């Protein structure tokens, strides 16, 4: 019984958060001007390039950290221990 009340509490909080985020987005869209007269300086390009490099480096590290899980998920080895050095038994 406690588990179902805990689940309903989480669902209620999630709904409130979703309503808050939707309301915030709606207000931001209403208050946004139709035309933005803005200048993007050349330094912005280096910001976006740095951002792209950071995203790629983060993805590479995540793949490296979870490589064995990815291999087992896609049908590779299922054992998580070290490989056995023994040959076939006679």
Protein backbone atom coordinates (compact mmCIF):
# COMPACT_ATOMS: atom_id res chain seq x y z
CA UNK A 1 0.00 0.00 0.00
CA UNK A 2 2.79 2.40 0.84
CA UNK A 3 4.38 1.72 -2.51
CA UNK A 4 1.24 2.79 -4.43
CA UNK A 5 0.94 6.04 -2.44
CA UNK A 6 4.61 6.74 -3.06
CA UNK A 7 4.08 6.13 -6.79
CA UNK A 8 1.03 8.41 -6.90
CA UNK A 9 2.99 11.11 -5.04
CA UNK A 10 5.77 10.90 -7.63
CA UNK A 11 3.22 11.04 -10.46
CA UNK A 12 1.58 14.12 -8.92
CA UNK A 13 4.92 15.89 -8.55
CA UNK A 14 5.82 15.00 -12.15
CA UNK A 15 2.52 16.44 -13.42
CA UNK A 16 3.08 19.67 -11.45
CA UNK A 17 6.60 19.97 -12.83
CA UNK A 18 5.38 19.38 -16.39
CA UNK A 19 2.69 22.06 -15.98
CA UNK A 20 5.26 24.49 -14.57
CA UNK A 21 7.68 23.87 -17.45
CA UNK A 22 4.90 24.20 -20.03
CA UNK A 23 3.69 27.44 -18.44
CA UNK A 24 7.21 28.85 -18.33
CA UNK A 25 7.75 27.98 -22.00
CA UNK A 26 4.40 29.49 -22.98
CA UNK A 27 5.18 32.75 -21.16
CA UNK A 28 8.65 32.90 -22.74
CA UNK A 29 7.17 32.41 -26.21
CA UNK A 30 4.53 35.10 -25.66
CA UNK A 31 7.07 37.61 -24.40
CA UNK A 32 9.61 36.89 -27.15
CA UNK A 33 9.81 39.61 -29.79
CA UNK A 34 8.85 38.68 -33.35
CA UNK A 35 12.06 40.03 -34.84
CA UNK A 36 15.43 39.96 -33.15
CA UNK A 37 17.95 42.48 -34.39
CA UNK A 38 21.06 40.78 -33.15
CA UNK A 39 24.70 40.48 -34.11
CA UNK A 40 26.65 37.24 -33.82
CA UNK A 41 30.33 38.01 -33.42
CA UNK A 42 33.11 35.75 -34.75
CA UNK A 43 33.84 34.49 -31.25
CA UNK A 44 30.48 32.70 -31.27
CA UNK A 45 31.76 30.27 -33.90
CA UNK A 46 34.59 29.19 -31.61
CA UNK A 47 32.06 28.76 -28.79
CA UNK A 48 29.97 26.40 -30.91
CA UNK A 49 33.04 24.49 -32.09
CA UNK A 50 34.19 24.09 -28.48
CA UNK A 51 30.70 22.93 -27.53
CA UNK A 52 30.70 20.35 -30.34
CA UNK A 53 34.14 19.05 -29.32
CA UNK A 54 32.98 18.76 -25.70
CA UNK A 55 29.86 16.83 -26.68
CA UNK A 56 31.89 14.45 -28.85
CA UNK A 57 34.48 13.92 -26.11
CA UNK A 58 31.74 13.26 -23.55
CA UNK A 59 30.04 10.75 -25.84
CA UNK A 60 33.35 9.01 -26.49
CA UNK A 61 34.04 8.70 -22.76
CA UNK A 62 30.52 7.39 -22.08
CA UNK A 63 30.93 4.76 -24.80
CA UNK A 64 34.34 3.81 -23.44
CA UNK A 65 33.01 3.44 -19.90
CA UNK A 66 30.01 1.34 -20.91
CA UNK A 67 31.62 -0.61 -23.78
CA UNK A 68 31.22 -4.06 -22.20
CA UNK A 69 27.55 -3.38 -21.47
CA UNK A 70 26.99 -2.28 -25.06
CA UNK A 71 28.70 -5.39 -26.42
CA UNK A 72 26.65 -7.73 -24.22
CA UNK A 73 23.45 -5.82 -25.11
CA UNK A 74 24.02 -6.31 -28.83
CA UNK A 75 24.70 -10.02 -28.50
CA UNK A 76 28.36 -10.27 -27.56
CA UNK A 77 29.79 -12.05 -24.56
CA UNK A 78 27.40 -12.45 -21.66
CA UNK A 79 29.93 -13.17 -18.92
CA UNK A 80 31.29 -10.18 -17.06
CA UNK A 81 34.38 -11.88 -15.67
CA UNK A 82 37.81 -12.12 -17.25
CA UNK A 83 38.28 -14.48 -20.15
CA UNK A 84 39.56 -17.93 -19.37
CA UNK A 85 43.08 -18.70 -20.56
CA UNK A 86 42.40 -22.45 -20.58
CA UNK A 87 42.25 -24.30 -23.83
CA UNK A 88 39.77 -27.05 -24.64
CA UNK A 89 39.77 -29.81 -22.08
CA UNK A 90 41.05 -33.20 -23.20
